[in-house]
Amino acid sequence: MGWNTTVVILNDALHKIAEDPDFGKNVSDATLSLQGPPGKNSTHISSGYGSAAEVVEKHHADSTVVLAVGGNSATVLHQTLGWRHNDPQFQLQLLREMADKMGYTLRKKPQKRTK
C-alpha cells in the first residue's frame, strides 16, 4: 500500500544539504512533480550545490523496481508487479524478466560432478 520513491543523494553535497532548511520540501515538491512511468523522467534538486540530489522515480509499493546507480544518477532497469524482492524465487523471476526484455534467456549452470 502506498508509494515508494528513489532519491540519489550526492555525498559531496551533504554539508550543503545539512544547512538547507528547504531540502525536505524540495524533495517533496520534486517527488510530487514526477509524471509518467518510472525511469522516463527525473528531477534534480539543488541545495546551494548545483544538483545535490535527484528524484529518480516513484512507483506503487506493490511493484518492484530494479535500478543501476552510478555516475551521480540512477537508471531504472526493470519494473514488475510484486514486492517480495528478498525472496530468492522472486529474484529469479526479476532476473528472467530482465533477460527476456533484452532478448536473452537464462539457463542454470550444470552442477559440477563430484567423484
C-alpha atoms as a PDB file:
ATOM      1  CA  MET A   1       0.000   0.000   0.000  1.00  0.00           C
ATOM      2  CA  GLY A   2       1.309   3.453  -0.812  1.00  0.00           C
ATOM      3  CA  TRP A   3       4.139   4.622  -2.993  1.00  0.00           C
ATOM      4  CA  ASN A   4       7.946   4.421  -2.887  1.00  0.00           C
ATOM      5  CA  THR A   5      10.367   6.990  -4.262  1.00  0.00           C
ATOM      6  CA  THR A   6      14.032   6.576  -5.157  1.00  0.00           C
ATOM      7  CA  VAL A   7      16.315   9.523  -4.436  1.00  0.00           C
ATOM      8  CA  VAL A   8      20.050   9.635  -5.182  1.00  0.00           C
ATOM      9  CA  ILE A   9      21.902  11.997  -2.860  1.00  0.00           C
ATOM     10  CA  LEU A  10      25.321  13.257  -3.880  1.00  0.00           C
ATOM     11  CA  ASN A  11      27.514  12.823  -0.811  1.00  0.00           C
ATOM     12  CA  ASP A  12      29.680  15.768  -1.874  1.00  0.00           C
ATOM     13  CA  ALA A  13      26.653  17.981  -1.206  1.00  0.00           C
ATOM     14  CA  LEU A  14      25.820  16.644   2.272  1.00  0.00           C
ATOM     15  CA  HIS A  15      27.274  19.696   4.010  1.00  0.00           C
ATOM     16  CA  LYS A  16      25.024  21.973   1.942  1.00  0.00           C
ATOM     17  CA  ILE A  17      22.008  19.708   2.439  1.00  0.00           C
ATOM     18  CA  ALA A  18      22.558  19.803   6.207  1.00  0.00           C
ATOM     19  CA  GLU A  19      22.399  23.607   6.102  1.00  0.00           C
ATOM     20  CA  ASP A  20      19.380  23.799   3.779  1.00  0.00           C
ATOM     21  CA  PRO A  21      16.097  24.269   5.705  1.00  0.00           C
ATOM     22  CA  ASP A  22      14.114  23.777   2.462  1.00  0.00           C
ATOM     23  CA  PHE A  23      15.698  20.496   1.338  1.00  0.00           C
ATOM     24  CA  GLY A  24      12.853  18.325   2.646  1.00  0.00           C
ATOM     25  CA  LYS A  25      10.254  20.474   0.923  1.00  0.00           C
ATOM     26  CA  ASN A  26      12.301  20.458  -2.274  1.00  0.00           C
ATOM     27  CA  VAL A  27      12.428  16.635  -2.197  1.00  0.00           C
ATOM     28  CA  SER A  28       8.677  16.537  -1.622  1.00  0.00           C
ATOM     29  CA  ASP A  29       7.995  19.011  -4.452  1.00  0.00           C
ATOM     30  CA  ALA A  30      10.282  17.126  -6.841  1.00  0.00           C
ATOM     31  CA  THR A  31       8.632  13.819  -5.994  1.00  0.00           C
ATOM     32  CA  LEU A  32       5.142  15.204  -6.496  1.00  0.00           C
ATOM     33  CA  SER A  33       6.168  16.718  -9.839  1.00  0.00           C
ATOM     34  CA  LEU A  34       7.313  13.399 -11.356  1.00  0.00           C
ATOM     35  CA  GLN A  35       4.977  12.242 -14.109  1.00  0.00           C
ATOM     36  CA  GLY A  36       4.882   9.123 -16.233  1.00  0.00           C
ATOM     37  CA  PRO A  37       6.295   5.635 -15.774  1.00  0.00           C
ATOM     38  CA  PRO A  38       9.356   5.027 -13.595  1.00  0.00           C
ATOM     39  CA  GLY A  39      12.596   5.947 -15.281  1.00  0.00           C
ATOM     40  CA  LYS A  40      11.121   8.146 -18.004  1.00  0.00           C
ATOM     41  CA  ASN A  41      11.982  11.360 -16.223  1.00  0.00           C
ATOM     42  CA  SER A  42      13.757  12.563 -13.122  1.00  0.00           C
ATOM     43  CA  THR A  43      14.089  15.782 -11.191  1.00  0.00           C
ATOM     44  CA  HIS A  44      17.293  17.320  -9.886  1.00  0.00           C
ATOM     45  CA  ILE A  45      17.301  19.139  -6.562  1.00  0.00           C
ATOM     46  CA  SER A  46      19.770  21.900  -5.826  1.00  0.00           C
ATOM     47  CA  SER A  47      20.844  22.833  -2.341  1.00  0.00           C
ATOM     48  CA  GLY A  48      23.416  25.553  -2.792  1.00  0.00           C
ATOM     49  CA  TYR A  49      25.487  22.971  -4.677  1.00  0.00           C
ATOM     50  CA  GLY A  50      24.014  22.721  -8.138  1.00  0.00           C
ATOM     51  CA  SER A  51      22.493  19.254  -8.211  1.00  0.00           C
ATOM     52  CA  ALA A  52      22.613  17.894  -4.638  1.00  0.00           C
ATOM     53  CA  ALA A  53      20.136  15.083  -5.256  1.00  0.00           C
ATOM     54  CA  GLU A  54      17.967  13.529  -7.921  1.00  0.00           C
ATOM     55  CA  VAL A  55      14.488  12.110  -7.513  1.00  0.00           C
ATOM     56  CA  VAL A  56      14.825   9.199  -9.926  1.00  0.00           C
ATOM     57  CA  GLU A  57      11.433   7.524  -9.906  1.00  0.00           C
ATOM     58  CA  LYS A  58       8.326   6.709  -7.907  1.00  0.00           C
ATOM     59  CA  HIS A  59       6.274   3.555  -8.054  1.00  0.00           C
ATOM     60  CA  HIS A  60       3.475   1.810  -6.234  1.00  0.00           C
ATOM     61  CA  ALA A  61       4.610  -0.284  -3.277  1.00  0.00           C
ATOM     62  CA  ASP A  62       3.027  -3.403  -4.823  1.00  0.00           C
ATOM     63  CA  SER A  63       5.692  -3.401  -7.521  1.00  0.00           C
ATOM     64  CA  THR A  64       9.478  -3.707  -7.548  1.00  0.00           C
ATOM     65  CA  VAL A  65      11.907  -1.517  -9.466  1.00  0.00           C
ATOM     66  CA  VAL A  66      15.474  -2.602 -10.259  1.00  0.00           C
ATOM     67  CA  LEU A  67      17.930   0.293 -10.528  1.00  0.00           C
ATOM     68  CA  ALA A  68      21.540   0.828 -11.521  1.00  0.00           C
ATOM     69  CA  VAL A  69      23.180   3.655  -9.564  1.00  0.00           C
ATOM     70  CA  GLY A  70      26.429   5.328 -10.583  1.00  0.00           C
ATOM     71  CA  GLY A  71      27.818   8.489 -12.098  1.00  0.00           C
ATOM     72  CA  ASN A  72      25.737  10.664  -9.756  1.00  0.00           C
ATOM     73  CA  SER A  73      22.498   9.303 -11.174  1.00  0.00           C
ATOM     74  CA  ALA A  74      20.374   6.181 -11.494  1.00  0.00           C
ATOM     75  CA  THR A  75      18.662   4.302 -14.304  1.00  0.00           C
ATOM     76  CA  VAL A  76      15.552   2.176 -13.996  1.00  0.00           C
ATOM     77  CA  LEU A  77      16.429  -1.206 -15.478  1.00  0.00           C
ATOM     78  CA  HIS A  78      13.169  -3.017 -14.846  1.00  0.00           C
ATOM     79  CA  GLN A  79       9.822  -2.847 -13.074  1.00  0.00           C
ATOM     80  CA  THR A  80       7.467  -5.697 -12.269  1.00  0.00           C
ATOM     81  CA  LEU A  81       4.456  -6.446 -10.105  1.00  0.00           C
ATOM     82  CA  GLY A  82       5.278  -7.938  -6.731  1.00  0.00           C
ATOM     83  CA  TRP A  83       7.255  -6.686  -3.788  1.00  0.00           C
ATOM     84  CA  ARG A  84       8.995  -9.708  -2.248  1.00  0.00           C
ATOM     85  CA  HIS A  85      12.421  -8.773  -3.627  1.00  0.00           C
ATOM     86  CA  ASN A  86      14.091 -10.505  -0.656  1.00  0.00           C
ATOM     87  CA  ASP A  87      12.668 -13.879  -1.802  1.00  0.00           C
ATOM     88  CA  PRO A  88      15.109 -15.895  -3.979  1.00  0.00           C
ATOM     89  CA  GLN A  89      12.294 -17.121  -6.258  1.00  0.00           C
ATOM     90  CA  PHE A  90      11.130 -13.566  -6.877  1.00  0.00           C
ATOM     91  CA  GLN A  91      14.733 -12.500  -7.512  1.00  0.00           C
ATOM     92  CA  LEU A  92      14.998 -15.220 -10.150  1.00  0.00           C
ATOM     93  CA  GLN A  93      11.737 -14.014 -11.698  1.00  0.00           C
ATOM     94  CA  LEU A  94      13.165 -10.480 -11.882  1.00  0.00           C
ATOM     95  CA  LEU A  95      16.342 -11.750 -13.499  1.00  0.00           C
ATOM     96  CA  ARG A  96      14.420 -13.799 -16.061  1.00  0.00           C
ATOM     97  CA  GLU A  97      12.149 -10.872 -16.917  1.00  0.00           C
ATOM     98  CA  MET A  98      15.132  -8.558 -17.350  1.00  0.00           C
ATOM     99  CA  ALA A  99      16.951 -11.056 -19.570  1.00  0.00           C
ATOM    100  CA  ASP A 100      13.821 -11.625 -21.663  1.00  0.00           C
ATOM    101  CA  LYS A 101      13.335  -7.876 -22.097  1.00  0.00           C
ATOM    102  CA  MET A 102      16.863  -7.682 -23.538  1.00  0.00           C
ATOM    103  CA  GLY A 103      16.343 -10.680 -25.825  1.00  0.00           C
ATOM    104  CA  TYR A 104      18.088 -13.308 -23.715  1.00  0.00           C
ATOM    105  CA  THR A 105      17.049 -16.454 -21.938  1.00  0.00           C
ATOM    106  CA  LEU A 106      18.576 -17.806 -18.762  1.00  0.00           C
ATOM    107  CA  ARG A 107      19.632 -21.311 -18.035  1.00  0.00           C
ATOM    108  CA  LYS A 108      21.017 -22.752 -14.864  1.00  0.00           C
ATOM    109  CA  LYS A 109      24.647 -23.858 -14.893  1.00  0.00           C
ATOM    110  CA  PRO A 110      25.099 -27.621 -14.887  1.00  0.00           C
ATOM    111  CA  GLN A 111      26.025 -28.938 -11.495  1.00  0.00           C
ATOM    112  CA  LYS A 112      29.632 -29.991 -11.120  1.00  0.00           C
ATOM    113  CA  ARG A 113      30.061 -33.694 -10.742  1.00  0.00           C
ATOM    114  CA  THR A 114      31.706 -34.909  -7.595  1.00  0.00           C
ATOM    115  CA  LYS A 115      33.704 -38.095  -7.509  1.00  0.00           C
END
